[in-house]
Amino acid sequence: MNAAQFEALAELLRMRGGASQEAARLVLVEGIAPAEAARRTGIKPQAVNNVLNSCQRGIELAGKVANNQKAPH
């Protein structure tokens, strides 16, 4: 995922910034391991897992919407 895609995902999920969002960015954009992202941002590994689960669900739902769109008439 690139930075622009992550920003769109964060907006879609109404992330409020902060350590959880930064941890998700580190994992999804920078490729950092979740445990390392937790260490760098000062949050618990479980919090990183929670935000990553939310991101994964958002990606899945956005994919369903995109795949079900019909071509404009």
PDB file of N, CA and C in Angstrom:
ATOM      1  N   MET A   1       0.853  -1.164   0.000  1.00  0.00           N
ATOM      2  CA  MET A   1       0.000   0.000   0.000  1.00  0.00           C
ATOM      3  C   MET A   1       0.903   1.231   0.000  1.00  0.00           C
ATOM      4  N   ASN A   2       0.539   2.208  -0.812  1.00  0.00           N
ATOM      5  CA  ASN A   2       1.337   3.436  -0.810  1.00  0.00           C
ATOM      6  C   ASN A   2       0.727   4.458   0.151  1.00  0.00           C
ATOM      7  N   ALA A   3       1.420   5.565   0.338  1.00  0.00           N
ATOM      8  CA  ALA A   3       0.998   6.574   1.310  1.00  0.00           C
ATOM      9  C   ALA A   3      -0.360   7.172   0.967  1.00  0.00           C
ATOM     10  N   ALA A   4      -0.619   7.431  -0.308  1.00  0.00           N
ATOM     11  CA  ALA A   4      -1.903   8.009  -0.715  1.00  0.00           C
ATOM     12  C   ALA A   4      -3.047   7.033  -0.435  1.00  0.00           C
ATOM     13  N   GLN A   5      -2.826   5.761  -0.693  1.00  0.00           N
ATOM     14  CA  GLN A   5      -3.852   4.754  -0.407  1.00  0.00           C
ATOM     15  C   GLN A   5      -4.120   4.681   1.092  1.00  0.00           C
ATOM     16  N   PHE A   6      -3.056   4.761   1.885  1.00  0.00           N
ATOM     17  CA  PHE A   6      -3.241   4.721   3.333  1.00  0.00           C
ATOM     18  C   PHE A   6      -4.025   5.929   3.815  1.00  0.00           C
ATOM     19  N   GLU A   7      -3.717   7.104   3.297  1.00  0.00           N
ATOM     20  CA  GLU A   7      -4.456   8.306   3.696  1.00  0.00           C
ATOM     21  C   GLU A   7      -5.931   8.164   3.357  1.00  0.00           C
ATOM     22  N   ALA A   8      -6.234   7.595   2.192  1.00  0.00           N
ATOM     23  CA  ALA A   8      -7.633   7.369   1.807  1.00  0.00           C
ATOM     24  C   ALA A   8      -8.293   6.375   2.764  1.00  0.00           C
ATOM     25  N   LEU A   9      -7.582   5.311   3.113  1.00  0.00           N
ATOM     26  CA  LEU A   9      -8.110   4.324   4.048  1.00  0.00           C
ATOM     27  C   LEU A   9      -8.356   4.955   5.414  1.00  0.00           C
ATOM     28  N   ALA A  10      -7.407   5.748   5.880  1.00  0.00           N
ATOM     29  CA  ALA A  10      -7.553   6.412   7.175  1.00  0.00           C
ATOM     30  C   ALA A  10      -8.772   7.328   7.182  1.00  0.00           C
ATOM     31  N   GLU A  11      -9.000   8.024   6.082  1.00  0.00           N
ATOM     32  CA  GLU A  11     -10.175   8.891   5.986  1.00  0.00           C
ATOM     33  C   GLU A  11     -11.453   8.055   5.950  1.00  0.00           C
ATOM     34  N   LEU A  12     -11.442   6.995   5.175  1.00  0.00           N
ATOM     35  CA  LEU A  12     -12.604   6.114   5.083  1.00  0.00           C
ATOM     36  C   LEU A  12     -12.981   5.549   6.451  1.00  0.00           C
ATOM     37  N   LEU A  13     -11.975   5.159   7.219  1.00  0.00           N
ATOM     38  CA  LEU A  13     -12.203   4.567   8.537  1.00  0.00           C
ATOM     39  C   LEU A  13     -12.341   5.614   9.635  1.00  0.00           C
ATOM     40  N   ARG A  14     -12.213   6.872   9.260  1.00  0.00           N
ATOM     41  CA  ARG A  14     -12.309   7.996  10.206  1.00  0.00           C
ATOM     42  C   ARG A  14     -11.316   7.861  11.349  1.00  0.00           C
ATOM     43  N   MET A  15     -10.099   7.489  10.994  1.00  0.00           N
ATOM     44  CA  MET A  15      -9.038   7.430  11.993  1.00  0.00           C
ATOM     45  C   MET A  15      -8.761   8.849  12.469  1.00  0.00           C
ATOM     46  N   ARG A  16      -8.431   8.977  13.731  1.00  0.00           N
ATOM     47  CA  ARG A  16      -8.239  10.296  14.321  1.00  0.00           C
ATOM     48  C   ARG A  16      -6.774  10.679  14.488  1.00  0.00           C
ATOM     49  N   GLY A  17      -5.904   9.977  13.828  1.00  0.00           N
ATOM     50  CA  GLY A  17      -4.483  10.255  14.002  1.00  0.00           C
ATOM     51  C   GLY A  17      -3.978   9.540  15.244  1.00  0.00           C
ATOM     52  N   GLY A  18      -2.880   9.969  15.748  1.00  0.00           N
ATOM     53  CA  GLY A  18      -2.344   9.378  16.960  1.00  0.00           C
ATOM     54  C   GLY A  18      -1.493   8.148  16.708  1.00  0.00           C
ATOM     55  N   ALA A  19      -1.152   7.499  17.809  1.00  0.00           N
ATOM     56  CA  ALA A  19      -0.209   6.388  17.768  1.00  0.00           C
ATOM     57  C   ALA A  19      -0.734   5.184  16.989  1.00  0.00           C
ATOM     58  N   SER A  20      -2.016   4.885  17.130  1.00  0.00           N
ATOM     59  CA  SER A  20      -2.557   3.724  16.412  1.00  0.00           C
ATOM     60  C   SER A  20      -2.491   3.923  14.906  1.00  0.00           C
ATOM     61  N   GLN A  21      -2.851   5.114  14.454  1.00  0.00           N
ATOM     62  CA  GLN A  21      -2.791   5.392  13.015  1.00  0.00           C
ATOM     63  C   GLN A  21      -1.354   5.342  12.526  1.00  0.00           C
ATOM     64  N   GLU A  22      -0.433   5.894  13.303  1.00  0.00           N
ATOM     65  CA  GLU A  22       0.973   5.865  12.904  1.00  0.00           C
ATOM     66  C   GLU A  22       1.492   4.429  12.855  1.00  0.00           C
ATOM     67  N   ALA A  23       1.093   3.607  13.815  1.00  0.00           N
ATOM     68  CA  ALA A  23       1.510   2.204  13.812  1.00  0.00           C
ATOM     69  C   ALA A  23       0.981   1.490  12.568  1.00  0.00           C
ATOM     70  N   ALA A  24      -0.273   1.747  12.228  1.00  0.00           N
ATOM     71  CA  ALA A  24      -0.845   1.138  11.022  1.00  0.00           C
ATOM     72  C   ALA A  24      -0.085   1.592   9.785  1.00  0.00           C
ATOM     73  N   ARG A  25       0.259   2.871   9.723  1.00  0.00           N
ATOM     74  CA  ARG A  25       1.016   3.396   8.581  1.00  0.00           C
ATOM     75  C   ARG A  25       2.378   2.715   8.484  1.00  0.00           C
ATOM     76  N   LEU A  26       3.041   2.564   9.616  1.00  0.00           N
ATOM     77  CA  LEU A  26       4.353   1.915   9.615  1.00  0.00           C
ATOM     78  C   LEU A  26       4.265   0.494   9.057  1.00  0.00           C
ATOM     79  N   VAL A  27       3.236  -0.237   9.448  1.00  0.00           N
ATOM     80  CA  VAL A  27       3.085  -1.621   8.991  1.00  0.00           C
ATOM     81  C   VAL A  27       2.668  -1.670   7.528  1.00  0.00           C
ATOM     82  N   LEU A  28       1.624  -0.924   7.184  1.00  0.00           N
ATOM     83  CA  LEU A  28       1.024  -1.057   5.854  1.00  0.00           C
ATOM     84  C   LEU A  28       1.795  -0.338   4.754  1.00  0.00           C
ATOM     85  N   VAL A  29       2.429   0.772   5.087  1.00  0.00           N
ATOM     86  CA  VAL A  29       3.145   1.559   4.068  1.00  0.00           C
ATOM     87  C   VAL A  29       4.642   1.272   4.100  1.00  0.00           C
ATOM     88  N   GLU A  30       5.208   1.259   5.300  1.00  0.00           N
ATOM     89  CA  GLU A  30       6.662   1.103   5.431  1.00  0.00           C
ATOM     90  C   GLU A  30       7.111  -0.353   5.512  1.00  0.00           C
ATOM     91  N   GLY A  31       6.178  -1.270   5.768  1.00  0.00           N
ATOM     92  CA  GLY A  31       6.536  -2.682   5.840  1.00  0.00           C
ATOM     93  C   GLY A  31       7.185  -3.107   7.144  1.00  0.00           C
ATOM     94  N   ILE A  32       7.015  -2.308   8.183  1.00  0.00           N
ATOM     95  CA  ILE A  32       7.580  -2.622   9.496  1.00  0.00           C
ATOM     96  C   ILE A  32       6.741  -3.725  10.146  1.00  0.00           C
ATOM     97  N   ALA A  33       7.369  -4.595  10.907  1.00  0.00           N
ATOM     98  CA  ALA A  33       6.641  -5.638  11.632  1.00  0.00           C
ATOM     99  C   ALA A  33       5.739  -4.997  12.688  1.00  0.00           C
ATOM    100  N   PRO A  34       4.566  -5.581  12.935  1.00  0.00           N
ATOM    101  CA  PRO A  34       3.658  -5.005  13.928  1.00  0.00           C
ATOM    102  C   PRO A  34       4.284  -4.805  15.308  1.00  0.00           C
ATOM    103  N   ALA A  35       5.083  -5.753  15.767  1.00  0.00           N
ATOM    104  CA  ALA A  35       5.719  -5.609  17.082  1.00  0.00           C
ATOM    105  C   ALA A  35       6.666  -4.413  17.106  1.00  0.00           C
ATOM    106  N   GLU A  36       7.391  -4.203  16.028  1.00  0.00           N
ATOM    107  CA  GLU A  36       8.299  -3.059  15.933  1.00  0.00           C
ATOM    108  C   GLU A  36       7.504  -1.760  15.856  1.00  0.00           C
ATOM    109  N   ALA A  37       6.390  -1.772  15.131  1.00  0.00           N
ATOM    110  CA  ALA A  37       5.535  -0.579  15.058  1.00  0.00           C
ATOM    111  C   ALA A  37       4.998  -0.235  16.443  1.00  0.00           C
ATOM    112  N   ALA A  38       4.629  -1.246  17.218  1.00  0.00           N
ATOM    113  CA  ALA A  38       4.160  -1.016  18.589  1.00  0.00           C
ATOM    114  C   ALA A  38       5.265  -0.386  19.426  1.00  0.00           C
ATOM    115  N   ARG A  39       6.461  -0.914  19.314  1.00  0.00           N
ATOM    116  CA  ARG A  39       7.587  -0.377  20.082  1.00  0.00           C
ATOM    117  C   ARG A  39       7.865   1.068  19.705  1.00  0.00           C
ATOM    118  N   ARG A  40       7.884   1.360  18.400  1.00  0.00           N
ATOM    119  CA  ARG A  40       8.199   2.714  17.932  1.00  0.00           C
ATOM    120  C   ARG A  40       7.149   3.743  18.332  1.00  0.00           C
ATOM    121  N   THR A  41       5.900   3.317  18.399  1.00  0.00           N
ATOM    122  CA  THR A  41       4.825   4.263  18.697  1.00  0.00           C
ATOM    123  C   THR A  41       4.428   4.268  20.169  1.00  0.00           C
ATOM    124  N   GLY A  42       4.961   3.333  20.940  1.00  0.00           N
ATOM    125  CA  GLY A  42       4.687   3.302  22.372  1.00  0.00           C
ATOM    126  C   GLY A  42       3.322   2.751  22.742  1.00  0.00           C
ATOM    127  N   ILE A  43       2.741   1.941  21.866  1.00  0.00           N
ATOM    128  CA  ILE A  43       1.458   1.326  22.193  1.00  0.00           C
ATOM    129  C   ILE A  43       1.632  -0.177  22.299  1.00  0.00           C
ATOM    130  N   LYS A  44       0.638  -0.828  22.866  1.00  0.00           N
ATOM    131  CA  LYS A  44       0.711  -2.275  23.051  1.00  0.00           C
ATOM    132  C   LYS A  44       0.534  -2.991  21.715  1.00  0.00           C
ATOM    133  N   PRO A  45       1.188  -4.138  21.560  1.00  0.00           N
ATOM    134  CA  PRO A  45       1.026  -4.913  20.324  1.00  0.00           C
ATOM    135  C   PRO A  45      -0.437  -5.233  20.008  1.00  0.00           C
ATOM    136  N   GLN A  46      -1.251  -5.478  21.040  1.00  0.00           N
ATOM    137  CA  GLN A  46      -2.669  -5.768  20.810  1.00  0.00           C
ATOM    138  C   GLN A  46      -3.373  -4.579  20.164  1.00  0.00           C
ATOM    139  N   ALA A  47      -2.982  -3.352  20.539  1.00  0.00           N
ATOM    140  CA  ALA A  47      -3.577  -2.157  19.926  1.00  0.00           C
ATOM    141  C   ALA A  47      -3.216  -2.085  18.446  1.00  0.00           C
ATOM    142  N   VAL A  48      -1.995  -2.477  18.117  1.00  0.00           N
ATOM    143  CA  VAL A  48      -1.588  -2.506  16.706  1.00  0.00           C
ATOM    144  C   VAL A  48      -2.417  -3.549  15.962  1.00  0.00           C
ATOM    145  N   ASN A  49      -2.574  -4.725  16.551  1.00  0.00           N
ATOM    146  CA  ASN A  49      -3.385  -5.765  15.914  1.00  0.00           C
ATOM    147  C   ASN A  49      -4.817  -5.303  15.708  1.00  0.00           C
ATOM    148  N   ASN A  50      -5.365  -4.585  16.682  1.00  0.00           N
ATOM    149  CA  ASN A  50      -6.740  -4.099  16.557  1.00  0.00           C
ATOM    150  C   ASN A  50      -6.882  -3.133  15.391  1.00  0.00           C
ATOM    151  N   VAL A  51      -5.963  -2.182  15.279  1.00  0.00           N
ATOM    152  CA  VAL A  51      -6.070  -1.204  14.194  1.00  0.00           C
ATOM    153  C   VAL A  51      -5.819  -1.874  12.844  1.00  0.00           C
ATOM    154  N   LEU A  52      -4.925  -2.845  12.795  1.00  0.00           N
ATOM    155  CA  LEU A  52      -4.690  -3.567  11.541  1.00  0.00           C
ATOM    156  C   LEU A  52      -5.913  -4.393  11.137  1.00  0.00           C
ATOM    157  N   ASN A  53      -6.605  -4.972  12.116  1.00  0.00           N
ATOM    158  CA  ASN A  53      -7.844  -5.699  11.811  1.00  0.00           C
ATOM    159  C   ASN A  53      -8.890  -4.752  11.245  1.00  0.00           C
ATOM    160  N   SER A  54      -8.998  -3.566  11.823  1.00  0.00           N
ATOM    161  CA  SER A  54      -9.937  -2.562  11.304  1.00  0.00           C
ATOM    162  C   SER A  54      -9.569  -2.168   9.882  1.00  0.00           C
ATOM    163  N   CYS A  55      -8.286  -1.986   9.637  1.00  0.00           N
ATOM    164  CA  CYS A  55      -7.827  -1.626   8.290  1.00  0.00           C
ATOM    165  C   CYS A  55      -8.153  -2.733   7.297  1.00  0.00           C
ATOM    166  N   GLN A  56      -7.902  -3.972   7.682  1.00  0.00           N
ATOM    167  CA  GLN A  56      -8.182  -5.099   6.793  1.00  0.00           C
ATOM    168  C   GLN A  56      -9.663  -5.172   6.463  1.00  0.00           C
ATOM    169  N   ARG A  57     -10.513  -4.963   7.449  1.00  0.00           N
ATOM    170  CA  ARG A  57     -11.959  -4.987   7.217  1.00  0.00           C
ATOM    171  C   ARG A  57     -12.358  -3.849   6.281  1.00  0.00           C
ATOM    172  N   GLY A  58     -11.783  -2.663   6.480  1.00  0.00           N
ATOM    173  CA  GLY A  58     -12.070  -1.534   5.599  1.00  0.00           C
ATOM    174  C   GLY A  58     -11.646  -1.802   4.168  1.00  0.00           C
ATOM    175  N   ILE A  59     -10.492  -2.420   3.998  1.00  0.00           N
ATOM    176  CA  ILE A  59      -9.996  -2.761   2.659  1.00  0.00           C
ATOM    177  C   ILE A  59     -10.940  -3.766   1.991  1.00  0.00           C
ATOM    178  N   GLU A  60     -11.366  -4.771   2.749  1.00  0.00           N
ATOM    179  CA  GLU A  60     -12.282  -5.776   2.200  1.00  0.00           C
ATOM    180  C   GLU A  60     -13.604  -5.148   1.773  1.00  0.00           C
ATOM    181  N   LEU A  61     -14.161  -4.286   2.611  1.00  0.00           N
ATOM    182  CA  LEU A  61     -15.438  -3.652   2.282  1.00  0.00           C
ATOM    183  C   LEU A  61     -15.309  -2.712   1.093  1.00  0.00           C
ATOM    184  N   ALA A  62     -14.219  -1.956   1.043  1.00  0.00           N
ATOM    185  CA  ALA A  62     -14.000  -1.057  -0.095  1.00  0.00           C
ATOM    186  C   ALA A  62     -13.860  -1.861  -1.382  1.00  0.00           C
ATOM    187  N   GLY A  63     -13.213  -3.015  -1.304  1.00  0.00           N
ATOM    188  CA  GLY A  63     -13.077  -3.879  -2.472  1.00  0.00           C
ATOM    189  C   GLY A  63     -14.418  -4.392  -2.959  1.00  0.00           C
ATOM    190  N   LYS A  64     -15.297  -4.743  -2.026  1.00  0.00           N
ATOM    191  CA  LYS A  64     -16.632  -5.196  -2.414  1.00  0.00           C
ATOM    192  C   LYS A  64     -17.390  -4.093  -3.132  1.00  0.00           C
ATOM    193  N   VAL A  65     -17.300  -2.882  -2.616  1.00  0.00           N
ATOM    194  CA  VAL A  65     -17.979  -1.752  -3.253  1.00  0.00           C
ATOM    195  C   VAL A  65     -17.413  -1.529  -4.647  1.00  0.00           C
ATOM    196  N   ALA A  66     -16.090  -1.513  -4.761  1.00  0.00           N
ATOM    197  CA  ALA A  66     -15.442  -1.259  -6.052  1.00  0.00           C
ATOM    198  C   ALA A  66     -15.794  -2.344  -7.068  1.00  0.00           C
ATOM    199  N   ASN A  67     -15.865  -3.587  -6.627  1.00  0.00           N
ATOM    200  CA  ASN A  67     -16.165  -4.695  -7.536  1.00  0.00           C
ATOM    201  C   ASN A  67     -17.625  -4.740  -7.957  1.00  0.00           C
ATOM    202  N   ASN A  68     -18.489  -4.108  -7.192  1.00  0.00           N
ATOM    203  CA  ASN A  68     -19.919  -4.135  -7.503  1.00  0.00           C
ATOM    204  C   ASN A  68     -20.399  -2.904  -8.251  1.00  0.00           C
ATOM    205  N   GLN A  69     -19.515  -1.949  -8.483  1.00  0.00           N
ATOM    206  CA  GLN A  69     -19.921  -0.751  -9.219  1.00  0.00           C
ATOM    207  C   GLN A  69     -20.188  -1.111 -10.669  1.00  0.00           C
ATOM    208  N   LYS A  70     -21.223  -0.532 -11.205  1.00  0.00           N
ATOM    209  CA  LYS A  70     -21.541  -0.733 -12.626  1.00  0.00           C
ATOM    210  C   LYS A  70     -20.948   0.416 -13.425  1.00  0.00           C
ATOM    211  N   ALA A  71     -20.642   0.140 -14.657  1.00  0.00           N
ATOM    212  CA  ALA A  71     -20.098   1.180 -15.540  1.00  0.00           C
ATOM    213  C   ALA A  71     -21.154   2.259 -15.750  1.00  0.00           C
ATOM    214  N   PRO A  72     -20.725   3.532 -15.830  1.00  0.00           N
ATOM    215  CA  PRO A  72     -21.698   4.599 -16.076  1.00  0.00           C
ATOM    216  C   PRO A  72     -22.359   4.421 -17.434  1.00  0.00           C
ATOM    217  N   HIS A  73     -23.606   4.849 -17.534  1.00  0.00           N
ATOM    218  CA  HIS A  73     -24.377   4.717 -18.782  1.00  0.00           C
ATOM    219  C   HIS A  73     -24.033   5.814 -19.737  1.00  0.00           C
TER     220      HIS A  73
END
